[in-house]
């Protein structure tokens, strides 16, 4: 079998629909928790009540300018974001809800570019991928309404495209992160990771671990993380190495969430993608109803 035929087979191979449903249920909750402090101050966030960078015209440093909204429009976007996010998580009118949620997230990220964060930038793309797939056919209000109305379940589908995108997304991010770290200080400075846990995001857990764990072990962890991220496309591609990569990835993001305060929502986003994309099928099959 050629490499091209292997890729084609992988893209067309049936995958468990539960993988898509995990993202559909968990991701909107994570994103809304991250967005909540912004949503509750919608007029400052999207409207004209707070500071906004003025329109710089043709300046290359501002390729896109989004004008502030009046108060009623800012609150309308905020309400639509929350409502569509909760509707997506519940699986009610799933595709339409995910599209609306994605659109409001896109607008929020473009409107507030100075405060745009990894969750702000990744979440609208994830929701768009979710809308492109057959999400909402399991563990959802849509599935319950289908059974109540017709007495039947949804027909079996092959959600390969959307799931494959969601599987490739985290490993691509890992590889890009690993390359960037290797090109900068992570190969030359042995205490980069150790210094990062002393930053402004430090939690009591990070402080306690910094006191307990010797500095040389942080250097070892730094090298391990660099190897994991740089080789992620390979370790997640092969069946024999995939379980170890999954456990390491889940553990790494759990520690990131515990040690770096506000980064907890990004950690949960990545944990959701890893769990949905790479948990064994035998575990996912238990969730089918």
Protein backbone atom coordinates (compact mmCIF):
# COMPACT_ATOMS: atom_id res chain seq x y z
CA UNK A 1 0.00 0.00 0.00
CA UNK A 2 1.44 3.37 -1.04
CA UNK A 3 1.64 6.36 1.26
CA UNK A 4 -1.06 8.10 -0.77
CA UNK A 5 -3.42 5.12 -0.48
CA UNK A 6 -2.71 4.85 3.25
CA UNK A 7 -3.66 8.50 3.74
CA UNK A 8 -6.82 8.05 1.65
CA UNK A 9 -7.77 4.96 3.67
CA UNK A 10 -7.16 6.81 6.95
CA UNK A 11 -9.32 9.74 5.85
CA UNK A 12 -12.18 7.45 4.80
CA UNK A 13 -11.96 4.97 7.69
CA UNK A 14 -15.11 4.98 9.86
CA UNK A 15 -14.57 6.46 13.31
CA UNK A 16 -16.70 6.50 16.43
CA UNK A 17 -19.30 9.25 16.51
CA UNK A 18 -18.70 9.52 20.25
CA UNK A 19 -15.43 11.34 19.49
CA UNK A 20 -17.37 14.19 17.93
CA UNK A 21 -19.92 14.23 20.73
CA UNK A 22 -17.24 14.60 23.41
CA UNK A 23 -16.09 17.80 21.70
CA UNK A 24 -19.68 18.94 21.23
CA UNK A 25 -20.51 18.54 24.93
CA UNK A 26 -17.31 19.63 26.65
CA UNK A 27 -15.81 22.28 24.39
CA UNK A 28 -18.62 24.88 24.57
CA UNK A 29 -18.63 24.67 28.38
CA UNK A 30 -14.85 25.22 28.53
CA UNK A 31 -15.04 28.11 26.06
CA UNK A 32 -17.95 29.80 27.83
CA UNK A 33 -16.17 29.55 31.18
CA UNK A 34 -13.18 31.27 29.59
CA UNK A 35 -15.35 33.91 27.92
CA UNK A 36 -17.60 34.60 30.91
CA UNK A 37 -15.58 37.52 32.39
CA UNK A 38 -15.71 39.17 28.96
CA UNK A 39 -19.37 38.39 28.35
CA UNK A 40 -20.41 40.01 31.62
CA UNK A 41 -18.75 43.25 30.48
CA UNK A 42 -19.96 43.14 26.89
CA UNK A 43 -20.06 46.90 26.37
CA UNK A 44 -16.41 47.21 27.39
CA UNK A 45 -15.41 44.11 25.47
CA UNK A 46 -17.24 44.59 22.17
CA UNK A 47 -18.84 47.99 22.60
CA UNK A 48 -17.73 51.58 22.81
CA UNK A 49 -17.66 51.88 26.60
CA UNK A 50 -14.05 50.66 27.01
CA UNK A 51 -10.72 51.43 25.40
CA UNK A 52 -10.27 50.38 21.80
CA UNK A 53 -7.39 50.93 19.41
CA UNK A 54 -8.55 53.57 16.91
CA UNK A 55 -8.74 52.96 13.18
CA UNK A 56 -5.20 53.40 11.84
CA UNK A 57 -6.28 53.43 8.21
CA UNK A 58 -3.85 51.68 5.87
CA UNK A 59 -1.25 51.00 8.55
CA UNK A 60 0.22 47.50 8.06
CA UNK A 61 0.11 46.93 11.82
CA UNK A 62 -3.69 46.93 11.68
CA UNK A 63 -4.78 44.78 8.72
CA UNK A 64 -8.37 44.66 9.97
CA UNK A 65 -10.34 47.17 12.00
CA UNK A 66 -13.61 46.17 13.68
CA UNK A 67 -15.62 49.14 14.87
CA UNK A 68 -17.08 49.08 18.40
CA UNK A 69 -20.74 48.11 18.70
CA UNK A 70 -23.45 50.14 20.38
CA UNK A 71 -24.49 48.79 23.76
CA UNK A 72 -27.58 46.93 22.52
CA UNK A 73 -25.61 45.19 19.76
CA UNK A 74 -22.74 44.23 22.11
CA UNK A 75 -25.18 42.63 24.54
CA UNK A 76 -26.97 40.90 21.66
CA UNK A 77 -23.71 39.26 20.54
CA UNK A 78 -22.93 38.26 24.13
CA UNK A 79 -26.37 36.71 24.66
CA UNK A 80 -26.18 34.92 21.30
CA UNK A 81 -22.77 33.52 22.24
CA UNK A 82 -23.97 32.11 25.55
CA UNK A 83 -27.26 30.79 24.17
CA UNK A 84 -25.69 29.12 21.13
CA UNK A 85 -22.86 27.67 23.23
CA UNK A 86 -25.26 26.09 25.71
CA UNK A 87 -27.47 24.87 22.87
CA UNK A 88 -24.47 23.24 21.19
CA UNK A 89 -23.44 21.51 24.42
CA UNK A 90 -27.00 20.25 24.91
CA UNK A 91 -27.19 19.10 21.30
CA UNK A 92 -30.27 21.15 20.42
CA UNK A 93 -30.35 22.24 16.76
CA UNK A 94 -26.71 21.27 16.91
CA UNK A 95 -25.41 22.34 13.53
CA UNK A 96 -27.15 25.73 13.55
CA UNK A 97 -26.13 26.34 17.16
CA UNK A 98 -22.50 25.48 16.43
CA UNK A 99 -22.47 27.82 13.42
CA UNK A 100 -23.88 30.71 15.46
CA UNK A 101 -21.48 29.98 18.31
CA UNK A 102 -18.55 29.91 15.87
CA UNK A 103 -19.63 33.20 14.29
CA UNK A 104 -19.88 34.99 17.64
CA UNK A 105 -16.50 33.60 18.71
CA UNK A 106 -14.92 34.73 15.45
CA UNK A 107 -16.35 38.20 15.94
CA UNK A 108 -15.16 38.37 19.55
CA UNK A 109 -11.61 37.36 18.62
CA UNK A 110 -11.44 39.88 15.77
CA UNK A 111 -13.06 42.67 17.75
CA UNK A 112 -10.80 42.29 20.79
CA UNK A 113 -7.49 41.45 19.14
CA UNK A 114 -5.34 42.94 21.92
CA UNK A 115 -6.74 40.44 24.44
CA UNK A 116 -7.19 37.51 22.03
CA UNK A 117 -5.86 34.32 23.59
CA UNK A 118 -5.27 30.76 22.41
CA UNK A 119 -8.81 29.77 23.44
CA UNK A 120 -10.24 32.80 21.61
CA UNK A 121 -8.44 31.86 18.40
CA UNK A 122 -8.89 28.08 18.44
CA UNK A 123 -12.48 27.81 19.63
CA UNK A 124 -14.25 29.33 16.59
CA UNK A 125 -12.36 26.98 14.26
CA UNK A 126 -13.21 23.98 16.44
CA UNK A 127 -16.89 24.94 16.49
CA UNK A 128 -16.86 25.36 12.70
CA UNK A 129 -15.41 21.86 12.33
CA UNK A 130 -18.09 20.58 14.70
CA UNK A 131 -20.81 22.17 12.58
CA UNK A 132 -19.35 20.53 9.47
CA UNK A 133 -19.71 17.05 11.00
CA UNK A 134 -22.72 15.01 12.09
CA UNK A 135 -22.58 16.08 15.73
CA UNK A 136 -25.68 15.87 17.90
CA UNK A 137 -26.73 12.33 16.96
CA UNK A 138 -25.76 10.83 20.33
CA UNK A 139 -26.21 12.03 23.92
CA UNK A 140 -28.17 15.07 22.75
CA UNK A 141 -31.57 16.74 22.79
CA UNK A 142 -31.73 16.27 19.02
CA UNK A 143 -31.29 12.49 19.43
CA UNK A 144 -33.94 12.38 22.16
CA UNK A 145 -36.40 14.35 20.03
CA UNK A 146 -35.69 12.04 17.09
CA UNK A 147 -36.52 8.94 19.14
CA UNK A 148 -39.61 10.55 20.62
CA UNK A 149 -40.91 11.76 17.27
CA UNK A 150 -40.06 8.81 15.02
CA UNK A 151 -39.28 6.05 17.47
CA UNK A 152 -35.94 5.61 15.71
CA UNK A 153 -32.34 6.47 16.26
CA UNK A 154 -30.20 8.41 13.80
CA UNK A 155 -28.69 6.30 11.05
CA UNK A 156 -25.07 5.32 11.43
CA UNK A 157 -22.66 7.81 9.86
CA UNK A 158 -18.95 8.07 9.23
CA UNK A 159 -17.79 11.39 10.73
CA UNK A 160 -14.25 10.92 9.44
CA UNK A 161 -13.56 14.40 8.08
CA UNK A 162 -14.49 16.42 11.16
CA UNK A 163 -12.89 13.93 13.55
CA UNK A 164 -9.69 13.72 11.51
CA UNK A 165 -9.39 17.50 11.59
CA UNK A 166 -9.86 17.54 15.35
CA UNK A 167 -7.27 14.77 15.70
CA UNK A 168 -4.71 16.56 13.55
CA UNK A 169 -5.20 19.93 15.24
CA UNK A 170 -3.50 19.21 18.60
CA UNK A 171 -0.56 17.27 17.13
CA UNK A 172 0.05 20.04 14.59
CA UNK A 173 0.04 22.59 17.42
CA UNK A 174 2.47 20.42 19.37
CA UNK A 175 4.88 20.13 16.46
CA UNK A 176 4.78 23.87 15.76
CA UNK A 177 5.32 24.58 19.45
CA UNK A 178 8.23 22.14 19.64
CA UNK A 179 9.93 23.65 16.59
CA UNK A 180 9.50 27.17 17.99
CA UNK A 181 10.92 26.14 21.36
CA UNK A 182 13.88 24.36 19.77
CA UNK A 183 14.70 27.41 17.65
CA UNK A 184 14.70 29.63 20.71
CA UNK A 185 15.86 29.01 24.29
CA UNK A 186 14.70 25.50 25.13
CA UNK A 187 17.83 23.84 23.71
CA UNK A 188 20.28 26.38 25.12
CA UNK A 189 18.90 27.43 28.50
CA UNK A 190 18.38 24.52 30.93
CA UNK A 191 16.06 26.41 33.30
CA UNK A 192 13.46 27.85 30.92
CA UNK A 193 10.64 25.72 32.33
CA UNK A 194 11.82 26.29 35.89
CA UNK A 195 11.75 30.06 35.36
CA UNK A 196 8.28 29.95 33.79
CA UNK A 197 6.65 28.50 36.90
CA UNK A 198 7.78 31.61 38.81
CA UNK A 199 5.85 33.98 36.53
CA UNK A 200 2.70 35.98 37.21
CA UNK A 201 0.50 32.93 36.47
CA UNK A 202 2.04 30.96 39.35
CA UNK A 203 -0.41 29.04 41.54
CA UNK A 204 0.16 27.68 45.07
CA UNK A 205 0.70 24.26 43.51
CA UNK A 206 3.44 25.63 41.24
CA UNK A 207 5.06 27.37 44.19
CA UNK A 208 5.03 24.19 46.25
CA UNK A 209 6.46 22.08 43.42
CA UNK A 210 9.20 24.63 42.78
CA UNK A 211 10.27 24.27 46.41
CA UNK A 212 10.15 20.48 46.41
CA UNK A 213 11.48 19.42 42.99
CA UNK A 214 15.18 20.04 42.35
CA UNK A 215 16.10 22.32 39.47
CA UNK A 216 17.82 19.54 37.49
CA UNK A 217 14.56 17.62 37.35
CA UNK A 218 12.84 20.65 35.80
CA UNK A 219 15.54 20.57 33.12
CA UNK A 220 14.76 16.90 32.49
CA UNK A 221 11.04 17.71 32.26
CA UNK A 222 11.86 20.56 29.87
CA UNK A 223 13.68 18.18 27.54
CA UNK A 224 10.93 15.58 27.80
CA UNK A 225 8.25 18.12 26.86
CA UNK A 226 10.34 19.32 23.92
CA UNK A 227 10.76 15.77 22.60
CA UNK A 228 7.06 15.00 23.11
CA UNK A 229 5.88 18.07 21.22
CA UNK A 230 8.42 17.79 18.39
CA UNK A 231 7.60 14.13 17.72
CA UNK A 232 3.84 14.26 18.39
CA UNK A 233 2.78 13.57 14.78
CA UNK A 234 4.75 10.33 14.90
CA UNK A 235 3.94 9.15 18.42
CA UNK A 236 0.22 9.74 17.94
CA UNK A 237 0.26 8.15 14.47
CA UNK A 238 1.49 4.70 15.54
CA UNK A 239 -0.74 2.43 17.61
CA UNK A 240 2.06 1.19 19.86
CA UNK A 241 3.22 4.64 20.93
CA UNK A 242 -0.20 6.35 20.92
CA UNK A 243 -1.30 5.28 24.44
CA UNK A 244 1.93 6.56 25.97
CA UNK A 245 1.68 9.84 24.05
CA UNK A 246 -1.94 10.24 25.15
CA UNK A 247 -1.14 9.67 28.82
CA UNK A 248 1.79 12.07 28.69
CA UNK A 249 -0.26 14.72 26.89
CA UNK A 250 -3.16 14.49 29.33
CA UNK A 251 -0.77 14.63 32.28
CA UNK A 252 1.14 17.57 30.82
CA UNK A 253 -1.98 19.65 30.31
CA UNK A 254 -3.32 18.70 33.74
CA UNK A 255 -0.11 20.03 35.28
CA UNK A 256 -0.26 23.16 33.11
CA UNK A 257 -3.78 23.84 34.33
CA UNK A 258 -2.77 23.31 37.96
CA UNK A 259 0.40 25.39 37.82
CA UNK A 260 -0.51 28.31 35.55
CA UNK A 261 -3.77 29.80 36.85
CA UNK A 262 -5.61 31.42 33.89
CA UNK A 263 -4.17 28.86 31.46
CA UNK A 264 -6.50 26.24 32.94
CA UNK A 265 -9.09 26.84 30.18
CA UNK A 266 -6.54 26.25 27.43
CA UNK A 267 -5.40 23.12 29.27
CA UNK A 268 -8.98 21.83 29.40
CA UNK A 269 -9.46 22.64 25.71
CA UNK A 270 -6.42 20.55 24.80
CA UNK A 271 -7.43 17.74 27.17
CA UNK A 272 -10.83 17.62 25.45
CA UNK A 273 -9.22 17.39 22.00
CA UNK A 274 -6.83 14.65 23.13
CA UNK A 275 -9.54 12.63 24.85
CA UNK A 276 -11.96 12.94 21.94
CA UNK A 277 -9.34 12.22 19.34
CA UNK A 278 -7.27 9.44 20.86
CA UNK A 279 -9.09 7.54 23.61
CA UNK A 280 -9.41 3.84 22.66
CA UNK A 281 -12.60 2.84 20.85
CA UNK A 282 -13.42 0.21 23.49
CA UNK A 283 -13.80 2.99 26.06
CA UNK A 284 -15.81 5.24 23.75
CA UNK A 285 -18.23 2.46 22.83
CA UNK A 286 -19.45 2.32 26.45
CA UNK A 287 -20.87 5.84 26.01
CA UNK A 288 -23.17 4.90 23.17
CA UNK A 289 -26.85 4.97 24.03
